[in-house]
C-alpha atoms as a PDB file:
ATOM      1  CA  GLN A   1    -205.154 111.287 -95.570  1.00  0.00           C
ATOM      2  CA  VAL A   2    -201.631 112.419 -94.694  1.00  0.00           C
ATOM      3  CA  GLN A   3    -199.747 114.678 -97.087  1.00  0.00           C
ATOM      4  CA  LEU A   4    -196.142 115.881 -96.934  1.00  0.00           C
ATOM      5  CA  VAL A   5    -195.262 119.333 -98.229  1.00  0.00           C
ATOM      6  CA  GLU A   6    -191.598 120.227 -98.729  1.00  0.00           C
ATOM      7  CA  SER A   7    -190.122 123.687 -99.109  1.00  0.00           C
ATOM      8  CA  GLY A   8    -186.826 125.547 -98.884  1.00  0.00           C
ATOM      9  CA  GLY A   9    -184.771 124.207-101.763  1.00  0.00           C
ATOM     10  CA  GLY A  10    -182.948 126.413-104.212  1.00  0.00           C
ATOM     11  CA  LEU A  11    -179.663 127.522-105.730  1.00  0.00           C
ATOM     12  CA  VAL A  12    -176.853 128.653-103.437  1.00  0.00           C
ATOM     13  CA  GLN A  13    -173.130 129.284-103.673  1.00  0.00           C
ATOM     14  CA  PRO A  14    -170.585 127.107-101.874  1.00  0.00           C
ATOM     15  CA  GLY A  15    -170.454 128.045 -98.219  1.00  0.00           C
ATOM     16  CA  GLY A  16    -174.050 129.198 -98.222  1.00  0.00           C
ATOM     17  CA  SER A  17    -177.003 127.941 -96.215  1.00  0.00           C
ATOM     18  CA  LEU A  18    -180.493 126.616 -96.798  1.00  0.00           C
ATOM     19  CA  ARG A  19    -183.242 125.448 -94.475  1.00  0.00           C
ATOM     20  CA  LEU A  20    -185.559 122.723 -95.697  1.00  0.00           C
ATOM     21  CA  SER A  21    -188.974 122.142 -94.169  1.00  0.00           C
ATOM     22  CA  CYS A  22    -191.380 119.238 -94.481  1.00  0.00           C
ATOM     23  CA  ALA A  23    -194.823 119.456 -92.936  1.00  0.00           C
ATOM     24  CA  ALA A  24    -197.245 116.579 -92.539  1.00  0.00           C
ATOM     25  CA  SER A  25    -200.944 117.319 -92.552  1.00  0.00           C
ATOM     26  CA  GLY A  26    -204.107 115.279 -92.363  1.00  0.00           C
ATOM     27  CA  THR A  27    -205.324 112.573 -90.049  1.00  0.00           C
ATOM     28  CA  ILE A  28    -202.312 111.378 -88.069  1.00  0.00           C
ATOM     29  CA  PHE A  29    -202.467 108.982 -85.158  1.00  0.00           C
ATOM     30  CA  SER A  30    -198.742 108.750 -84.552  1.00  0.00           C
ATOM     31  CA  ILE A  31    -195.385 109.623 -86.093  1.00  0.00           C
ATOM     32  CA  ASN A  32    -192.062 108.164 -85.057  1.00  0.00           C
ATOM     33  CA  THR A  33    -188.856 108.617 -87.061  1.00  0.00           C
ATOM     34  CA  MET A  34    -188.625 111.487 -89.536  1.00  0.00           C
ATOM     35  CA  GLY A  35    -185.759 111.991 -91.911  1.00  0.00           C
ATOM     36  CA  TRP A  36    -184.181 113.467 -94.999  1.00  0.00           C
ATOM     37  CA  TYR A  37    -182.749 111.600 -97.958  1.00  0.00           C
ATOM     38  CA  ARG A  38    -181.091 112.852-101.104  1.00  0.00           C
ATOM     39  CA  GLN A  39    -180.503 111.548-104.586  1.00  0.00           C
ATOM     40  CA  ALA A  40    -178.062 112.923-107.121  1.00  0.00           C
ATOM     41  CA  PRO A  41    -178.379 112.111-110.844  1.00  0.00           C
ATOM     42  CA  GLY A  42    -177.324 108.535-111.535  1.00  0.00           C
ATOM     43  CA  LYS A  43    -176.861 107.800-107.837  1.00  0.00           C
ATOM     44  CA  GLN A  44    -178.755 105.809-105.240  1.00  0.00           C
ATOM     45  CA  ARG A  45    -180.944 107.580-102.751  1.00  0.00           C
ATOM     46  CA  GLU A  46    -179.058 107.951 -99.473  1.00  0.00           C
ATOM     47  CA  LEU A  47    -179.948 108.853 -95.922  1.00  0.00           C
ATOM     48  CA  VAL A  48    -178.799 112.336 -94.940  1.00  0.00           C
ATOM     49  CA  ALA A  49    -180.235 112.688 -91.443  1.00  0.00           C
ATOM     50  CA  ALA A  50    -182.914 111.181 -89.241  1.00  0.00           C
ATOM     51  CA  ILE A  51    -184.549 112.057 -85.950  1.00  0.00           C
ATOM     52  CA  THR A  52    -186.629 109.853 -83.673  1.00  0.00           C
ATOM     53  CA  SER A  53    -189.746 110.830 -81.769  1.00  0.00           C
ATOM     54  CA  GLY A  54    -187.553 111.242 -78.692  1.00  0.00           C
ATOM     55  CA  GLY A  55    -185.144 113.578 -80.439  1.00  0.00           C
ATOM     56  CA  SER A  56    -182.233 111.226 -81.086  1.00  0.00           C
ATOM     57  CA  THR A  57    -180.433 112.032 -84.335  1.00  0.00           C
ATOM     58  CA  ASN A  58    -178.044 110.459 -86.771  1.00  0.00           C
ATOM     59  CA  TYR A  59    -176.274 111.883 -89.807  1.00  0.00           C
ATOM     60  CA  ALA A  60    -174.386 110.743 -92.819  1.00  0.00           C
ATOM     61  CA  ASP A  61    -170.656 111.198 -92.281  1.00  0.00           C
ATOM     62  CA  SER A  62    -170.501 113.607 -95.204  1.00  0.00           C
ATOM     63  CA  VAL A  63    -172.790 116.144 -93.503  1.00  0.00           C
ATOM     64  CA  LYS A  64    -171.785 115.869 -89.853  1.00  0.00           C
ATOM     65  CA  GLY A  65    -170.978 119.238 -88.364  1.00  0.00           C
ATOM     66  CA  ARG A  66    -172.683 121.087 -91.211  1.00  0.00           C
ATOM     67  CA  PHE A  67    -176.319 119.923 -91.203  1.00  0.00           C
ATOM     68  CA  THR A  68    -178.781 119.868 -88.318  1.00  0.00           C
ATOM     69  CA  ILE A  69    -182.076 118.007 -88.294  1.00  0.00           C
ATOM     70  CA  SER A  70    -184.859 119.037 -85.940  1.00  0.00           C
ATOM     71  CA  ARG A  71    -188.578 118.538 -85.509  1.00  0.00           C
ATOM     72  CA  ASP A  72    -191.591 120.308 -84.113  1.00  0.00           C
ATOM     73  CA  ASN A  73    -194.083 117.677 -83.048  1.00  0.00           C
ATOM     74  CA  ALA A  74    -196.839 120.215 -82.448  1.00  0.00           C
ATOM     75  CA  LYS A  75    -196.562 121.246 -86.096  1.00  0.00           C
ATOM     76  CA  ASN A  76    -195.768 117.758 -87.445  1.00  0.00           C
ATOM     77  CA  THR A  77    -192.802 119.293 -89.209  1.00  0.00           C
ATOM     78  CA  VAL A  78    -189.203 118.225 -89.739  1.00  0.00           C
ATOM     79  CA  TYR A  79    -186.434 120.645 -90.685  1.00  0.00           C
ATOM     80  CA  LEU A  80    -182.972 120.361 -92.149  1.00  0.00           C
ATOM     81  CA  GLN A  81    -180.650 123.293 -91.577  1.00  0.00           C
ATOM     82  CA  MET A  82    -177.818 123.062 -94.089  1.00  0.00           C
ATOM     83  CA  ASN A  83    -174.743 125.219 -93.540  1.00  0.00           C
ATOM     84  CA  SER A  84    -171.366 125.388 -95.267  1.00  0.00           C
ATOM     85  CA  LEU A  85    -172.879 123.844 -98.368  1.00  0.00           C
ATOM     86  CA  LYS A  86    -170.607 122.142-100.868  1.00  0.00           C
ATOM     87  CA  PRO A  87    -171.115 121.316-104.554  1.00  0.00           C
ATOM     88  CA  GLU A  88    -171.311 117.631-103.649  1.00  0.00           C
ATOM     89  CA  ASP A  89    -174.460 118.392-101.637  1.00  0.00           C
ATOM     90  CA  THR A  90    -176.286 119.019-104.904  1.00  0.00           C
ATOM     91  CA  ALA A  91    -179.227 116.612-105.127  1.00  0.00           C
ATOM     92  CA  VAL A  92    -182.956 116.270-104.850  1.00  0.00           C
ATOM     93  CA  TYR A  93    -183.828 116.113-101.168  1.00  0.00           C
ATOM     94  CA  TYR A  94    -186.765 114.024 -99.978  1.00  0.00           C
ATOM     95  CA  CYS A  95    -188.377 114.012 -96.568  1.00  0.00           C
ATOM     96  CA  LYS A  96    -189.811 110.870 -95.038  1.00  0.00           C
ATOM     97  CA  VAL A  97    -192.072 110.236 -92.079  1.00  0.00           C
ATOM     98  CA  ARG A  98    -192.937 106.948 -90.455  1.00  0.00           C
ATOM     99  CA  THR A  99    -196.545 106.912 -89.372  1.00  0.00           C
ATOM    100  CA  ARG A 100    -199.600 104.788 -88.761  1.00  0.00           C
ATOM    101  CA  VAL A 101    -203.327 105.076 -88.291  1.00  0.00           C
ATOM    102  CA  VAL A 102    -203.916 101.493 -87.157  1.00  0.00           C
ATOM    103  CA  GLY A 103    -201.680  98.468 -87.461  1.00  0.00           C
ATOM    104  CA  PRO A 104    -198.056  98.516 -88.582  1.00  0.00           C
ATOM    105  CA  TRP A 105    -195.907 101.541 -89.266  1.00  0.00           C
ATOM    106  CA  TYR A 106    -195.387 102.666 -92.847  1.00  0.00           C
ATOM    107  CA  ASP A 107    -193.362 105.347 -94.591  1.00  0.00           C
ATOM    108  CA  LEU A 108    -194.618 108.432 -96.387  1.00  0.00           C
ATOM    109  CA  TRP A 109    -192.393 110.367 -98.778  1.00  0.00           C
ATOM    110  CA  GLY A 110    -192.377 113.947 -99.906  1.00  0.00           C
ATOM    111  CA  GLN A 111    -192.101 114.803-103.582  1.00  0.00           C
ATOM    112  CA  GLY A 112    -188.585 116.192-103.322  1.00  0.00           C
ATOM    113  CA  THR A 113    -186.987 119.601-103.516  1.00  0.00           C
ATOM    114  CA  GLN A 114    -183.931 120.494-105.591  1.00  0.00           C
ATOM    115  CA  VAL A 115    -180.819 121.783-103.853  1.00  0.00           C
ATOM    116  CA  THR A 116    -178.081 123.064-106.143  1.00  0.00           C
ATOM    117  CA  VAL A 117    -174.736 124.296-104.831  1.00  0.00           C
ATOM    118  CA  SER A 118    -172.678 125.949-107.532  1.00  0.00           C
ATOM    119  CA  SER A 119    -169.833 128.434-107.743  1.00  0.00           C
END
């Protein structure tokens, strides 16, 4: 059974940095796209960044130039380096992996980690 474990959230001041990690463990046949989403109170969950198995990335316009997504396939881990953090980045951040054992692909979600940016 695959499990996702998130870490790296916390409280930082504007302009600060955090690095989020999400590691998948268990029986894994294949993983393709991995990504990070966030959800602020009263708001819809939104895509922050995603990375394909080949390393192609895409970002929300609001984080371009500040956040970097990366992955280590040997460790089944996806990272989100967040620099120049702003108060509007405050949210619960969730990782997601698309995987399969047999048959069609399906998505697994982490439990979320709080990121708070406050002056």
